[in-house]
Protein backbone atom coordinates (compact mmCIF):
# COMPACT_ATOMS: atom_id res chain seq x y z
CA MET A 1 169.16 50.52 56.58
CA SER A 2 169.72 48.18 59.53
CA ARG A 3 166.92 46.58 61.55
CA LEU A 4 167.90 48.80 64.48
CA ASP A 5 167.66 51.94 62.31
CA THR A 6 164.24 50.81 61.07
CA PHE A 7 163.11 50.22 64.66
CA PHE A 8 164.25 53.71 65.72
CA LEU A 9 162.43 55.31 62.80
CA LEU A 10 159.19 53.51 63.62
CA GLU A 11 159.42 54.23 67.32
CA THR A 12 160.35 57.89 66.94
CA GLN A 13 157.55 58.49 64.44
CA GLY A 14 155.20 56.89 66.96
CA LEU A 15 156.42 59.28 69.65
CA THR A 16 155.81 62.28 67.38
CA ASP A 17 152.35 60.97 66.45
CA ILE A 18 151.23 60.32 70.03
CA LEU A 19 152.40 63.75 71.21
CA ILE A 20 150.46 65.43 68.39
CA GLU A 21 147.38 63.31 69.11
CA CYS A 22 147.48 64.10 72.84
CA ALA A 23 147.95 67.81 72.16
CA GLN A 24 144.99 67.87 69.76
CA ARG A 25 142.76 65.80 72.02
CA TYR A 26 143.46 67.36 75.43
CA HIS A 27 144.84 70.86 74.66
CA LEU A 28 147.21 70.61 77.64
CA PRO A 29 150.97 70.92 78.01
CA LEU A 30 152.81 67.58 77.92
CA LEU A 31 155.77 66.33 79.95
CA ILE A 32 157.62 63.17 78.91
CA THR A 33 158.68 61.56 82.16
CA GLU A 34 159.79 58.06 81.14
CA ASN A 35 161.47 57.40 77.81
CA GLY A 36 164.36 54.97 77.84
CA CYS A 37 166.32 52.27 76.11
CA GLY A 38 166.46 49.05 78.14
CA TRP A 39 167.09 46.39 75.53
CA THR A 40 170.79 47.12 75.12
CA ALA A 41 173.79 48.14 77.19
CA ASP A 42 175.51 49.61 74.10
CA PRO A 43 176.22 53.27 74.98
CA ILE A 44 176.24 54.39 71.34
CA VAL A 45 172.78 52.89 70.80
CA LYS A 46 171.61 54.70 73.95
CA ALA A 47 173.02 57.99 72.62
CA LYS A 48 171.26 57.44 69.28
CA TYR A 49 168.04 56.58 71.08
CA ILE A 50 168.14 59.81 73.11
CA VAL A 51 168.93 62.02 70.14
CA GLN A 52 166.39 60.45 67.80
CA ASN A 53 163.63 60.61 70.41
CA ILE A 54 164.33 64.25 71.22
CA VAL A 55 164.30 65.01 67.49
CA ALA A 56 160.86 63.33 67.42
CA VAL A 57 159.74 65.55 70.32
CA HIS A 58 160.95 68.65 68.47
CA SER A 59 159.01 67.50 65.41
CA ALA A 60 155.84 67.26 67.49
CA MET A 61 156.52 70.70 68.97
CA ASN A 62 156.96 72.15 65.47
CA GLN A 63 153.54 70.69 64.64
CA GLY A 64 151.82 72.37 67.60
CA SER A 65 152.39 70.14 70.63
CA ASP A 66 153.18 72.04 73.80
CA VAL A 67 155.90 69.85 75.32
CA LEU A 68 157.29 71.13 78.61
CA GLY A 69 160.18 68.70 78.87
CA TYR A 70 161.77 65.32 78.33
CA LEU A 71 163.23 63.06 81.01
CA TYR A 72 165.24 59.99 80.12
CA TRP A 73 164.31 56.83 82.04
CA THR A 74 166.43 56.33 84.11
CA LEU A 75 169.67 57.81 85.38
CA ASP A 76 170.54 54.67 87.36
CA TYR A 77 169.76 51.03 86.94
CA ASP A 78 166.45 50.25 88.57
CA TYR A 79 164.32 47.29 89.50
CA GLU A 80 161.85 46.25 86.79
CA TRP A 81 158.97 44.06 87.99
CA THR A 82 159.27 41.46 85.25
CA SER A 83 163.07 41.23 84.99
CA GLY A 84 164.59 42.43 88.24
CA TYR A 85 167.87 44.28 87.80
CA LYS A 86 168.65 42.73 84.39
CA GLN A 87 167.39 45.63 82.23
CA ASN A 88 169.93 48.18 81.03
CA TYR A 89 167.93 51.42 81.21
CA GLY A 90 170.38 53.48 83.24
CA LEU A 91 172.73 56.18 82.06
CA PHE A 92 174.95 55.09 84.94
CA TYR A 93 176.04 51.53 85.60
CA VAL A 94 175.89 50.46 89.22
CA ASP A 95 179.11 48.49 89.35
CA ASP A 96 178.01 45.94 91.94
CA PHE A 97 175.07 44.87 89.77
CA THR A 98 177.56 43.08 87.52
CA ALA A 99 179.01 40.97 90.34
CA PRO A 100 177.98 37.30 90.06
CA SER A 101 176.82 37.21 93.67
CA PHE A 102 174.65 40.34 93.47
CA THR A 103 170.97 39.66 94.07
CA GLU A 104 169.61 42.81 95.67
CA PRO A 105 170.95 46.01 97.22
CA THR A 106 171.74 45.99 100.93
CA ALA A 107 173.09 48.55 103.37
CA ALA A 108 176.55 47.07 102.81
CA THR A 109 176.44 47.36 99.01
CA ASP A 110 178.91 49.79 97.48
CA PHE A 111 176.94 51.56 94.76
CA ALA A 112 179.89 52.85 92.78
CA ARG A 113 178.58 54.33 89.55
CA THR A 114 180.15 54.38 86.11
CA THR A 115 178.76 56.63 83.42
CA VAL A 116 177.52 55.15 80.16
CA GLN A 117 179.52 57.14 77.60
CA PRO A 118 178.71 58.76 75.20
CA ALA A 119 175.03 58.64 76.21
CA VAL A 120 175.58 60.74 79.36
CA ASP A 121 177.60 63.34 77.43
CA VAL A 122 174.93 63.59 74.74
CA TYR A 123 172.08 63.93 77.25
CA SER A 124 174.08 66.49 79.25
CA ALA A 125 174.90 68.56 76.15
CA ILE A 126 171.25 68.57 75.04
CA ALA A 127 170.05 69.60 78.51
CA GLU A 128 172.72 72.27 78.90
CA GLY A 129 172.05 73.75 75.46
CA ASN A 130 168.26 73.30 75.71
CA GLY A 131 168.37 71.78 72.24
CA ILE A 132 170.32 69.51 69.92
CA SER A 133 173.36 70.82 68.09
CA THR A 134 173.95 69.86 64.47
CA VAL A 135 177.14 68.10 65.59
CA ILE A 136 175.17 65.78 67.88
CA ILE A 137 172.55 65.17 65.20
CA ASP A 138 175.26 64.35 62.66
CA LEU A 139 176.90 61.89 65.08
CA TYR A 140 173.84 60.20 66.57
CA GLY A 141 170.65 61.38 64.91
CA ARG A 142 170.78 59.81 61.50
């Protein structure tokens, strides 16, 4: 097992655990609004991250957590207070962010977007099907 696989397993188990703990403590429905992968620009790692975290959410739901939904953070690159625009959270690249002269967006900036494949396809398929197919789990969930 690689270090990355070990990290995913620890993080996803933590997500399951915290959802169960919150459900037991507060007895309220939960909505995951910010869950993302900013330490890599690798689209396959992003796809694995999404799948494995949604599997963790399903595990918590199977153990009694009332989870209303899951939102990946974020669809576009965004400004992070400690690192500016250098984090790779987005499911869409903003092409001008890669230009050497780019420092901040302006009215003249062309925000052409490029999808991060296969992460966008995986997230779209999960949302459209309201669940994870065995094909997606076989490709990205293990």
